[in-house]
Amino acid sequence: MSLKAKVHRPEGRPGRGAAPLAATAVLTLLGVCSDAHPTPLADASAALPPGSELDDDAVDSPREVFHSEATHGRKSYLSRLGNLAFNSPYTLGDVARKAHVSCATCHVNGASNPRLFIPGLSTRPGTFDTTNALFNPKTDNAVLDAVTIPSLRGARFLAPYGHDGRSNSLRDFVRNVIVNEFAGPAPSQQILDAIVIYIEDIDFLPNPMLDAGGRLTPRASAAQLRGEALFARPFPHQPQLSCASCHTPSAAFVDHRQHDVGSGGLYKTPTLINANFNAPYFHDGRFDTYAQVLDYFDHTFALGLTPAERDDLRAYLAAIGDGVHPEYHLTGANVLGDLNDLASVLDIAIAQHDNEVITLVVSTLRDQLQDLANRYPDPAAGEAGAGAHERTLARAAVTALREILQRLGRDAASGHFTTAADDYLTYRKLTVAAAPLALQTAEPWSLFDPTLHAAHAAARTAAVAPAAQAR
């Protein structure tokens, strides 16, 4: 799976003349040939049913906000280690590893993945059957009961966990996902603690329309304020209920309870914060829009809403469900920056001779760096047009990083931790200037360019279609 970058780091684009020469010189000093090419990974699609869509090569990514950084601190070692494990297929079982599926496949940067679709496991994009025979035959219940993929933003406020509220403990819930849903090995205490700390560090997107108590701010329009009043109005035939009695504004719009609203059982109250980015709605993803959700509640609870009242409620839901900068465009440099953030756990892991973490870093980043290299297509034989040399140089830089990490892993496994530390220093030197410069220079001819990405996706679809029909 391709790692989606975590924070937006605006990058300037260097001049196209001197930059390739400078990058070539640095790579040469590090002993890297500019014509080196990474070894391709196995085709992940072979492990999934035909027609699967993971959206793993998207050019835009959800924004991730960490509480530790939002409060002017920094992410802890365990939060960074949890981020690594969350993005690693090696945390999960054999099928997930072969398919390059990690926790981040479904929860991109802690958000949801509305494009994910696996035939036989999804009823529609953005849904997934957690009890299926593909990833773990032992927990297959022979029923296609797909649920929506939830966002993990603000998860520390949203217990119990699971759509049905099956677990009060986030730690127990994460372990169940790894071991039972994806047939992974029981994670060590260190890795499990780290994943939980990482998830708990993911904040909601800031929303200037809401104050600290969940009330609309003075920015709100008249329609939004009318919607807020309607949200708190008692239901005509059940005056003990209102929308706000379950979606409590002062408590992140949840009540930490399960309710039967006629949708097929008891399900926990979902938060409405940042909900604009969490469609489809309801536990099974049956609704695409707020209008459909309102129609359902209006009919089920005989609310008698007028068209104008529905419009006001929609305006209110859109206001409280908003967030600042929900997405941003990926570049090679900011993806590499995030991979370096994951690699930074080696500072402590090497010093502590922690081969569990070192092995996880090397295995995970080796694959992630290959995904990054694939964004800079290998020039065809004899190609000499614009961008060919730049793409070759970018792939060479990424190849160098992969080779250094592999050497680091071998040295650590052999107990040569001083040498492994030297390897890591070499890796960091290459990521300071040469590698980012090579990636930025090749950016105009990479698959981070939306036009080239669209053309590449169309060509890939055309090539895959005959094979899929033959099956």
Protein backbone atom coordinates (compact mmCIF):
# COMPACT_ATOMS: atom_id res chain seq x y z
CA MET A 1 0.00 0.00 0.00
CA SER A 2 1.11 3.54 -0.67
CA LEU A 3 1.61 5.66 2.39
CA LYS A 4 -0.43 8.85 2.26
CA ALA A 5 1.51 11.85 3.55
CA LYS A 6 0.52 13.08 6.99
CA VAL A 7 0.95 16.84 6.88
CA HIS A 8 1.23 19.35 4.09
CA ARG A 9 4.74 20.61 3.59
CA PRO A 10 4.80 23.21 0.82
CA GLU A 11 7.78 22.58 -1.40
CA GLY A 12 9.41 24.92 -3.85
CA ARG A 13 10.33 23.51 -7.25
CA PRO A 14 14.02 23.85 -8.10
CA GLY A 15 15.30 25.00 -11.43
CA ARG A 16 15.48 22.21 -14.00
CA GLY A 17 19.04 22.84 -15.09
CA ALA A 18 21.45 22.71 -12.17
CA ALA A 19 19.23 20.57 -9.90
CA PRO A 20 19.64 17.23 -11.71
CA LEU A 21 23.43 17.74 -11.82
CA ALA A 22 23.58 18.53 -8.13
CA ALA A 23 21.49 15.52 -7.20
CA THR A 24 23.57 13.29 -9.48
CA ALA A 25 26.75 14.49 -7.82
CA VAL A 26 25.49 13.74 -4.32
CA LEU A 27 24.18 10.32 -5.33
CA THR A 28 27.52 9.50 -6.93
CA LEU A 29 29.36 10.43 -3.74
CA LEU A 30 27.10 8.02 -1.89
CA GLY A 31 27.96 5.25 -4.33
CA VAL A 32 24.62 5.15 -6.15
CA CYS A 33 24.38 4.71 -9.92
CA SER A 34 21.82 6.92 -11.62
CA ASP A 35 20.60 4.03 -13.74
CA ALA A 36 19.67 1.81 -10.78
CA HIS A 37 16.13 0.49 -10.64
CA PRO A 38 14.23 -0.98 -7.67
CA THR A 39 13.04 -4.56 -7.81
CA PRO A 40 9.29 -4.55 -8.47
CA LEU A 41 7.00 -5.79 -5.72
CA ALA A 42 4.68 -8.72 -6.32
CA ASP A 43 1.37 -7.71 -7.88
CA ALA A 44 -0.91 -6.96 -4.93
CA SER A 45 -4.03 -7.37 -7.05
CA ALA A 46 -3.37 -11.11 -7.28
CA ALA A 47 -4.29 -11.48 -3.59
CA LEU A 48 -7.64 -9.68 -3.96
CA PRO A 49 -10.75 -10.42 -6.04
CA PRO A 50 -10.88 -8.87 -9.54
CA GLY A 51 -12.41 -5.40 -9.44
CA SER A 52 -10.97 -4.49 -6.05
CA GLU A 53 -10.28 -0.78 -5.51
CA LEU A 54 -8.12 0.41 -2.63
CA ASP A 55 -7.41 3.93 -3.97
CA ASP A 56 -3.79 3.40 -2.99
CA ASP A 57 -2.39 5.62 -5.73
CA ALA A 58 -4.51 8.71 -5.05
CA VAL A 59 -2.93 12.11 -5.68
CA ASP A 60 -4.80 13.77 -2.81
CA SER A 61 -4.86 12.67 0.80
CA PRO A 62 -6.92 13.37 3.94
CA ARG A 63 -5.29 15.71 6.37
CA GLU A 64 -4.17 14.27 9.69
CA VAL A 65 -3.99 16.41 12.84
CA PHE A 66 -2.12 15.07 15.86
CA HIS A 67 -3.17 16.29 19.30
CA SER A 68 0.42 16.19 20.51
CA GLU A 69 1.48 18.62 17.77
CA ALA A 70 -1.66 20.76 17.90
CA THR A 71 -0.79 21.58 21.54
CA HIS A 72 2.69 22.70 20.43
CA GLY A 73 4.36 19.52 21.57
CA ARG A 74 5.71 16.69 19.49
CA LYS A 75 4.74 13.11 18.72
CA SER A 76 6.19 10.62 21.17
CA TYR A 77 8.31 7.65 20.14
CA LEU A 78 5.34 5.34 20.76
CA SER A 79 3.02 7.51 18.66
CA ARG A 80 5.50 7.38 15.77
CA LEU A 81 5.97 3.65 16.24
CA GLY A 82 2.19 3.20 16.25
CA ASN A 83 1.98 5.21 13.04
CA LEU A 84 4.52 2.85 11.48
CA ALA A 85 2.69 -0.29 12.63
CA PHE A 86 -0.64 1.17 11.50
CA ASN A 87 0.77 1.70 8.00
CA SER A 88 2.45 -1.71 7.85
CA PRO A 89 0.92 -4.82 6.22
CA TYR A 90 3.36 -6.79 8.38
CA THR A 91 1.18 -6.04 11.40
CA LEU A 92 -1.62 -8.13 9.85
CA GLY A 93 -1.98 -11.67 8.46
CA ASP A 94 -0.62 -13.39 5.36
CA VAL A 95 -3.36 -12.37 2.91
CA ALA A 96 -3.15 -8.73 3.98
CA ARG A 97 0.61 -8.78 3.52
CA LYS A 98 0.35 -10.24 0.03
CA ALA A 99 -2.28 -7.65 -0.89
CA HIS A 100 -0.26 -4.80 0.73
CA VAL A 101 -3.25 -4.09 3.01
CA SER A 102 -2.59 -2.31 6.30
CA CYS A 103 -4.79 -0.58 8.87
CA ALA A 104 -4.16 2.60 6.86
CA THR A 105 -5.72 1.03 3.77
CA CYS A 106 -9.16 1.43 5.32
CA HIS A 107 -8.33 4.39 7.56
CA VAL A 108 -6.26 6.71 5.37
CA ASN A 109 -4.40 9.10 7.68
CA GLY A 110 -6.91 8.15 10.36
CA ALA A 111 -9.85 9.16 8.17
CA SER A 112 -12.09 6.73 6.29
CA ASN A 113 -11.57 5.38 2.77
CA PRO A 114 -14.81 6.05 0.84
CA ARG A 115 -13.39 4.51 -2.35
CA LEU A 116 -12.39 1.13 -0.92
CA PHE A 117 -14.33 -1.69 -2.58
CA ILE A 118 -13.56 -5.42 -2.51
CA PRO A 119 -16.05 -7.64 -4.36
CA GLY A 120 -17.61 -10.12 -1.97
CA LEU A 121 -16.55 -8.04 1.05
CA SER A 122 -18.11 -4.67 0.23
CA THR A 123 -21.74 -3.87 -0.51
CA ARG A 124 -20.73 -0.47 -1.86
CA PRO A 125 -17.60 1.71 -1.86
CA GLY A 126 -16.59 2.67 1.66
CA THR A 127 -17.87 -0.53 3.29
CA PHE A 128 -16.14 -3.72 4.42
CA ASP A 129 -17.24 -7.06 5.87
CA THR A 130 -15.08 -7.68 8.95
CA THR A 131 -16.12 -11.35 9.18
CA ASN A 132 -15.03 -12.75 5.84
CA ALA A 133 -13.32 -15.85 4.50
CA LEU A 134 -10.66 -13.97 2.54
CA PHE A 135 -8.63 -12.51 5.39
CA ASN A 136 -9.58 -14.99 8.14
CA PRO A 137 -11.70 -18.08 7.35
CA LYS A 138 -11.93 -18.86 11.07
CA THR A 139 -14.15 -15.84 11.75
CA ASP A 140 -16.24 -16.06 8.55
CA ASN A 141 -19.96 -16.06 9.35
CA ALA A 142 -21.05 -16.75 5.74
CA VAL A 143 -23.03 -13.50 5.64
CA LEU A 144 -22.17 -10.38 3.66
CA ASP A 145 -22.72 -7.90 6.48
CA ALA A 146 -20.45 -5.06 5.44
CA VAL A 147 -20.22 -1.96 7.61
CA THR A 148 -18.99 1.52 6.85
CA ILE A 149 -15.33 2.27 7.41
CA PRO A 150 -15.27 4.78 10.25
CA SER A 151 -12.98 7.73 10.64
CA LEU A 152 -10.63 7.48 13.63
CA ARG A 153 -10.45 11.23 14.14
CA GLY A 154 -11.16 11.99 17.78
CA ALA A 155 -11.38 8.27 18.59
CA ARG A 156 -10.27 8.81 22.18
CA PHE A 157 -13.60 10.57 22.81
CA LEU A 158 -15.80 8.03 21.06
CA ALA A 159 -15.96 4.83 23.14
CA PRO A 160 -17.42 2.24 22.91
CA TYR A 161 -15.77 0.92 19.77
CA GLY A 162 -17.21 -0.91 16.80
CA HIS A 163 -20.49 0.08 15.14
CA ASP A 164 -22.36 -2.07 17.65
CA GLY A 165 -20.31 -0.76 20.56
CA ARG A 166 -18.93 -4.20 21.30
CA SER A 167 -15.83 -3.02 23.15
CA ASN A 168 -15.25 -0.34 25.76
CA SER A 169 -11.49 -0.73 25.36
CA LEU A 170 -9.71 0.66 22.32
CA ARG A 171 -6.79 -1.63 23.09
CA ASP A 172 -9.01 -4.74 23.05
CA PHE A 173 -10.71 -3.56 19.89
CA VAL A 174 -7.42 -2.99 18.03
CA ARG A 175 -6.13 -6.41 19.08
CA ASN A 176 -9.34 -8.03 17.84
CA VAL A 177 -9.02 -6.33 14.44
CA ILE A 178 -5.44 -7.54 14.02
CA VAL A 179 -5.86 -11.10 15.31
CA ASN A 180 -9.43 -12.02 14.41
CA GLU A 181 -10.44 -9.83 11.49
CA PHE A 182 -7.11 -10.03 9.64
CA ALA A 183 -5.58 -13.22 11.09
CA GLY A 184 -2.43 -11.42 12.17
CA PRO A 185 -0.08 -12.64 14.89
CA ALA A 186 -0.85 -11.38 18.37
CA PRO A 187 1.05 -8.07 18.55
CA SER A 188 3.62 -7.54 21.25
CA GLN A 189 2.66 -5.29 24.15
CA GLN A 190 4.96 -2.59 22.74
CA ILE A 191 3.37 -2.62 19.28
CA LEU A 192 -0.20 -2.79 20.62
CA ASP A 193 0.43 0.07 23.04
CA ALA A 194 1.98 2.09 20.22
CA ILE A 195 -0.96 1.64 17.84
CA VAL A 196 -3.43 2.67 20.55
CA ILE A 197 -1.35 5.75 21.44
CA TYR A 198 -1.14 6.68 17.74
CA ILE A 199 -4.92 6.41 17.28
CA GLU A 200 -5.58 8.39 20.45
CA ASP A 201 -3.27 11.12 19.15
CA ILE A 202 -5.41 11.75 16.05
CA ASP A 203 -7.55 14.86 16.56
CA PHE A 204 -10.71 16.02 14.86
CA LEU A 205 -10.13 18.54 12.11
CA PRO A 206 -10.57 22.01 13.60
CA ASN A 207 -13.95 23.58 12.85
CA PRO A 208 -14.31 27.34 13.38
CA MET A 209 -18.10 26.94 13.22
CA LEU A 210 -18.14 25.23 16.64
CA ASP A 211 -17.19 26.55 20.07
CA ALA A 212 -15.74 24.44 22.88
CA GLY A 213 -19.21 23.38 23.98
CA GLY A 214 -20.34 22.23 20.56
CA ARG A 215 -22.50 25.30 19.94
CA LEU A 216 -22.46 27.27 16.70
CA THR A 217 -20.23 30.32 16.74
CA PRO A 218 -21.26 33.83 15.56
CA ARG A 219 -20.12 32.84 12.07
CA ALA A 220 -23.31 30.77 11.69
CA SER A 221 -26.00 31.78 9.23
CA ALA A 222 -29.65 32.26 10.13
CA ALA A 223 -30.51 28.89 8.53
CA GLN A 224 -27.79 27.12 10.52
CA LEU A 225 -29.01 28.68 13.78
CA ARG A 226 -32.58 27.61 13.01
CA GLY A 227 -31.26 24.12 12.33
CA GLU A 228 -29.49 24.11 15.70
CA ALA A 229 -32.79 24.87 17.42
CA LEU A 230 -34.56 22.13 15.47
CA PHE A 231 -31.80 19.69 16.41
CA ALA A 232 -32.64 20.21 20.09
CA ARG A 233 -36.44 20.23 19.61
CA PRO A 234 -38.26 17.23 21.21
CA PHE A 235 -39.77 14.69 18.82
CA PRO A 236 -43.56 15.22 18.50
CA HIS A 237 -44.53 11.66 19.53
CA GLN A 238 -41.57 10.91 21.80
CA PRO A 239 -40.86 14.15 23.70
CA GLN A 240 -38.12 12.49 25.74
CA LEU A 241 -36.10 12.27 22.52
CA SER A 242 -34.45 14.80 20.24
CA CYS A 243 -31.54 14.67 17.84
CA ALA A 244 -29.42 16.33 20.52
CA SER A 245 -30.39 13.81 23.21
CA CYS A 246 -28.24 11.19 21.46
CA HIS A 247 -25.84 13.46 19.56
CA THR A 248 -24.93 15.56 22.60
CA PRO A 249 -23.22 18.73 21.30
CA SER A 250 -21.09 19.24 24.43
CA ALA A 251 -19.79 15.66 24.28
CA ALA A 252 -18.47 15.47 20.69
CA PHE A 253 -22.05 14.82 19.50
CA VAL A 254 -22.22 11.33 21.05
CA ASP A 255 -23.79 9.79 24.15
CA HIS A 256 -21.60 6.65 24.35
CA ARG A 257 -24.66 4.44 24.06
CA GLN A 258 -26.28 2.07 21.58
CA HIS A 259 -29.76 2.67 20.14
CA ASP A 260 -32.19 0.90 17.83
CA VAL A 261 -33.38 3.50 15.33
CA GLY A 262 -35.02 0.91 13.11
CA SER A 263 -31.88 0.23 11.07
CA GLY A 264 -31.48 -3.43 11.99
CA GLY A 265 -30.27 -3.61 15.57
CA LEU A 266 -28.50 -1.73 18.33
CA TYR A 267 -25.76 0.56 17.08
CA LYS A 268 -23.74 3.21 18.83
CA THR A 269 -24.34 6.90 18.27
CA PRO A 270 -21.79 8.18 15.73
CA THR A 271 -20.17 11.56 16.11
CA LEU A 272 -21.25 14.34 13.77
CA ILE A 273 -17.96 16.22 14.01
CA ASN A 274 -16.19 16.21 10.60
CA ALA A 275 -19.07 14.06 9.32
CA ASN A 276 -19.04 15.90 5.98
CA PHE A 277 -16.05 13.70 5.12
CA ASN A 278 -17.37 10.41 6.55
CA ALA A 279 -20.04 9.39 4.00
CA PRO A 280 -21.63 6.95 3.37
CA TYR A 281 -23.80 7.15 6.49
CA PHE A 282 -25.38 4.64 8.91
CA HIS A 283 -23.61 1.50 10.03
CA ASP A 284 -24.16 -0.20 6.67
CA GLY A 285 -23.58 2.83 4.47
CA ARG A 286 -27.12 2.91 3.12
CA PHE A 287 -27.24 6.71 2.80
CA ASP A 288 -25.06 9.06 0.75
CA THR A 289 -26.30 12.43 1.96
CA TYR A 290 -27.65 14.27 4.97
CA ALA A 291 -30.90 14.76 3.07
CA GLN A 292 -31.40 10.99 2.90
CA VAL A 293 -30.61 10.61 6.60
CA LEU A 294 -33.14 13.33 7.48
CA ASP A 295 -35.79 11.73 5.27
CA TYR A 296 -35.26 8.46 7.11
CA PHE A 297 -35.62 9.96 10.60
CA ASP A 298 -38.53 12.14 9.52
CA HIS A 299 -40.40 9.05 8.30
CA THR A 300 -39.32 6.62 11.07
CA PHE A 301 -40.09 8.96 13.98
CA ALA A 302 -42.95 10.89 12.35
CA LEU A 303 -41.21 14.22 12.88
CA GLY A 304 -43.41 16.12 10.43
CA LEU A 305 -40.58 18.27 9.11
CA THR A 306 -41.46 20.90 6.56
CA PRO A 307 -39.24 21.36 3.49
CA ALA A 308 -37.86 24.56 5.02
CA GLU A 309 -37.03 22.76 8.28
CA ARG A 310 -35.21 20.03 6.39
CA ASP A 311 -33.16 22.67 4.61
CA ASP A 312 -32.27 24.28 7.94
CA LEU A 313 -31.27 20.95 9.48
CA ARG A 314 -29.11 20.14 6.46
CA ALA A 315 -27.41 23.51 6.81
CA TYR A 316 -26.77 22.83 10.49
CA LEU A 317 -25.38 19.34 9.91
CA ALA A 318 -23.08 20.66 7.17
CA ALA A 319 -21.83 23.36 9.55
CA ILE A 320 -21.00 21.04 12.45
CA GLY A 321 -19.66 18.38 10.09
CA ASP A 322 -17.12 20.66 8.43
CA GLY A 323 -13.38 20.94 9.06
CA VAL A 324 -10.37 23.01 8.01
CA HIS A 325 -8.32 21.73 5.05
CA PRO A 326 -9.65 18.18 4.89
CA GLU A 327 -7.39 17.22 1.97
CA TYR A 328 -4.21 18.31 0.23
CA HIS A 329 -2.17 17.32 -2.80
CA LEU A 330 0.60 14.76 -2.42
CA THR A 331 4.12 15.31 -3.70
CA GLY A 332 7.14 13.05 -3.71
CA ALA A 333 8.91 15.28 -1.21
CA ASN A 334 6.14 15.28 1.39
CA VAL A 335 5.60 11.52 1.06
CA LEU A 336 9.33 11.03 1.58
CA GLY A 337 9.16 13.38 4.57
CA ASP A 338 6.53 11.20 6.19
CA LEU A 339 8.47 8.05 5.48
CA ASN A 340 11.39 9.71 7.23
CA ASP A 341 9.12 10.44 10.17
CA LEU A 342 8.39 6.72 10.40
CA ALA A 343 12.08 5.88 9.96
CA SER A 344 12.94 8.16 12.89
CA VAL A 345 11.95 5.44 15.36
CA LEU A 346 15.29 3.88 14.41
CA ASP A 347 17.02 6.54 16.56
CA ILE A 348 15.82 4.72 19.67
CA ALA A 349 15.33 1.23 18.25
CA ILE A 350 18.98 0.90 17.16
CA ALA A 351 20.26 2.34 20.45
CA GLN A 352 18.13 -0.18 22.35
CA HIS A 353 19.05 -3.08 20.03
CA ASP A 354 15.34 -3.59 19.38
CA ASN A 355 15.28 -5.88 16.37
CA GLU A 356 11.49 -6.23 16.49
CA VAL A 357 11.10 -2.56 15.63
CA ILE A 358 14.10 -2.44 13.29
CA THR A 359 12.72 -5.35 11.26
CA LEU A 360 9.28 -3.71 11.09
CA VAL A 361 10.79 -0.42 9.90
CA VAL A 362 12.95 -2.05 7.23
CA SER A 363 10.18 -4.31 5.90
CA THR A 364 7.56 -1.56 5.85
CA LEU A 365 9.65 1.24 4.39
CA ARG A 366 11.19 -1.04 1.78
CA ASP A 367 7.68 -1.53 0.36
CA GLN A 368 6.64 2.08 0.86
CA LEU A 369 9.73 3.34 -0.92
CA GLN A 370 8.98 1.02 -3.82
CA ASP A 371 5.50 2.54 -4.01
CA LEU A 372 7.12 5.97 -4.08
CA ALA A 373 9.50 4.90 -6.87
CA ASN A 374 6.54 3.67 -8.89
CA ARG A 375 5.18 7.23 -8.93
CA TYR A 376 8.15 8.01 -11.19
CA PRO A 377 7.63 5.53 -14.07
CA ASP A 378 10.74 3.78 -15.30
CA PRO A 379 11.62 5.28 -18.72
CA ALA A 380 11.00 2.92 -21.62
CA ALA A 381 14.02 1.47 -23.41
CA GLY A 382 15.67 4.17 -25.49
CA GLU A 383 13.41 6.91 -24.16
CA ALA A 384 15.19 10.26 -24.33
CA GLY A 385 12.31 12.71 -24.14
CA ALA A 386 11.53 15.30 -21.49
CA GLY A 387 11.62 13.91 -17.98
CA ALA A 388 13.26 10.56 -18.75
CA HIS A 389 16.57 11.44 -17.11
CA GLU A 390 14.83 13.13 -14.17
CA ARG A 391 12.62 10.09 -13.51
CA THR A 392 15.63 7.79 -13.69
CA LEU A 393 17.45 9.94 -11.16
CA ALA A 394 14.42 10.00 -8.84
CA ARG A 395 14.12 6.22 -8.95
CA ALA A 396 17.85 5.91 -8.31
CA ALA A 397 17.54 8.04 -5.18
CA VAL A 398 14.72 5.89 -3.86
CA THR A 399 16.64 2.73 -4.75
CA ALA A 400 19.55 4.01 -2.69
CA LEU A 401 17.31 4.50 0.32
CA ARG A 402 15.88 0.99 0.01
CA GLU A 403 19.33 -0.55 -0.28
CA ILE A 404 20.63 1.33 2.74
CA LEU A 405 17.68 0.20 4.86
CA GLN A 406 18.10 -3.39 3.76
CA ARG A 407 21.77 -3.25 4.70
CA LEU A 408 20.84 -1.69 8.04
CA GLY A 409 18.42 -4.53 8.73
CA ARG A 410 21.02 -7.17 7.95
CA ASP A 411 23.60 -5.47 10.17
CA ALA A 412 21.18 -5.20 13.08
CA ALA A 413 20.03 -8.80 12.71
CA SER A 414 23.69 -9.85 12.90
CA GLY A 415 24.14 -7.86 16.11
CA HIS A 416 26.28 -5.18 14.45
CA PHE A 417 24.35 -2.24 15.87
CA THR A 418 27.19 0.28 15.56
CA THR A 419 27.33 -0.45 11.84
CA ALA A 420 23.52 -0.25 11.67
CA ALA A 421 23.73 3.20 13.27
CA ASP A 422 26.23 4.25 10.59
CA ASP A 423 23.83 2.94 7.92
CA TYR A 424 21.03 5.01 9.40
CA LEU A 425 23.22 8.12 9.38
CA THR A 426 23.89 7.53 5.67
CA TYR A 427 20.15 7.15 5.09
CA ARG A 428 19.44 10.44 6.85
CA LYS A 429 22.14 12.27 4.87
CA LEU A 430 20.60 11.13 1.59
CA THR A 431 17.13 12.29 2.69
CA VAL A 432 18.34 15.76 3.66
CA ALA A 433 19.07 17.06 0.17
CA ALA A 434 19.83 14.66 -2.67
CA ALA A 435 16.72 12.50 -2.56
CA PRO A 436 14.18 15.34 -2.06
CA LEU A 437 15.91 17.35 -4.79
CA ALA A 438 15.74 14.44 -7.24
CA LEU A 439 12.06 13.86 -6.47
CA GLN A 440 11.12 17.51 -6.79
CA THR A 441 12.97 17.85 -10.08
CA ALA A 442 11.14 14.86 -11.58
CA GLU A 443 7.76 15.94 -10.19
CA PRO A 444 6.39 17.38 -13.48
CA TRP A 445 6.76 13.94 -15.13
CA SER A 446 5.60 11.88 -12.14
CA LEU A 447 2.25 10.29 -11.32
CA PHE A 448 1.79 12.97 -8.66
CA ASP A 449 0.82 15.18 -11.60
CA PRO A 450 -3.00 14.86 -11.86
CA THR A 451 -3.05 14.79 -15.67
CA LEU A 452 -0.37 12.12 -15.96
CA HIS A 453 -1.98 10.18 -13.12
CA ALA A 454 -5.35 10.15 -14.92
CA ALA A 455 -3.74 9.00 -18.19
CA HIS A 456 -1.81 6.27 -16.40
CA ALA A 457 -4.95 5.08 -14.56
CA ALA A 458 -6.90 4.95 -17.84
CA ALA A 459 -4.17 2.94 -19.52
CA ARG A 460 -3.99 0.55 -16.58
CA THR A 461 -7.76 0.06 -16.62
CA ALA A 462 -7.70 -0.66 -20.34
CA ALA A 463 -4.94 -3.22 -19.85
CA VAL A 464 -6.63 -4.93 -16.90
CA ALA A 465 -10.14 -5.11 -18.41
CA PRO A 466 -9.48 -7.95 -20.93
CA ALA A 467 -7.81 -10.05 -18.21
CA ALA A 468 -10.72 -9.51 -15.84
CA GLN A 469 -13.23 -10.51 -18.52
CA ALA A 470 -11.24 -13.66 -19.24
CA ARG A 471 -11.63 -14.71 -15.62
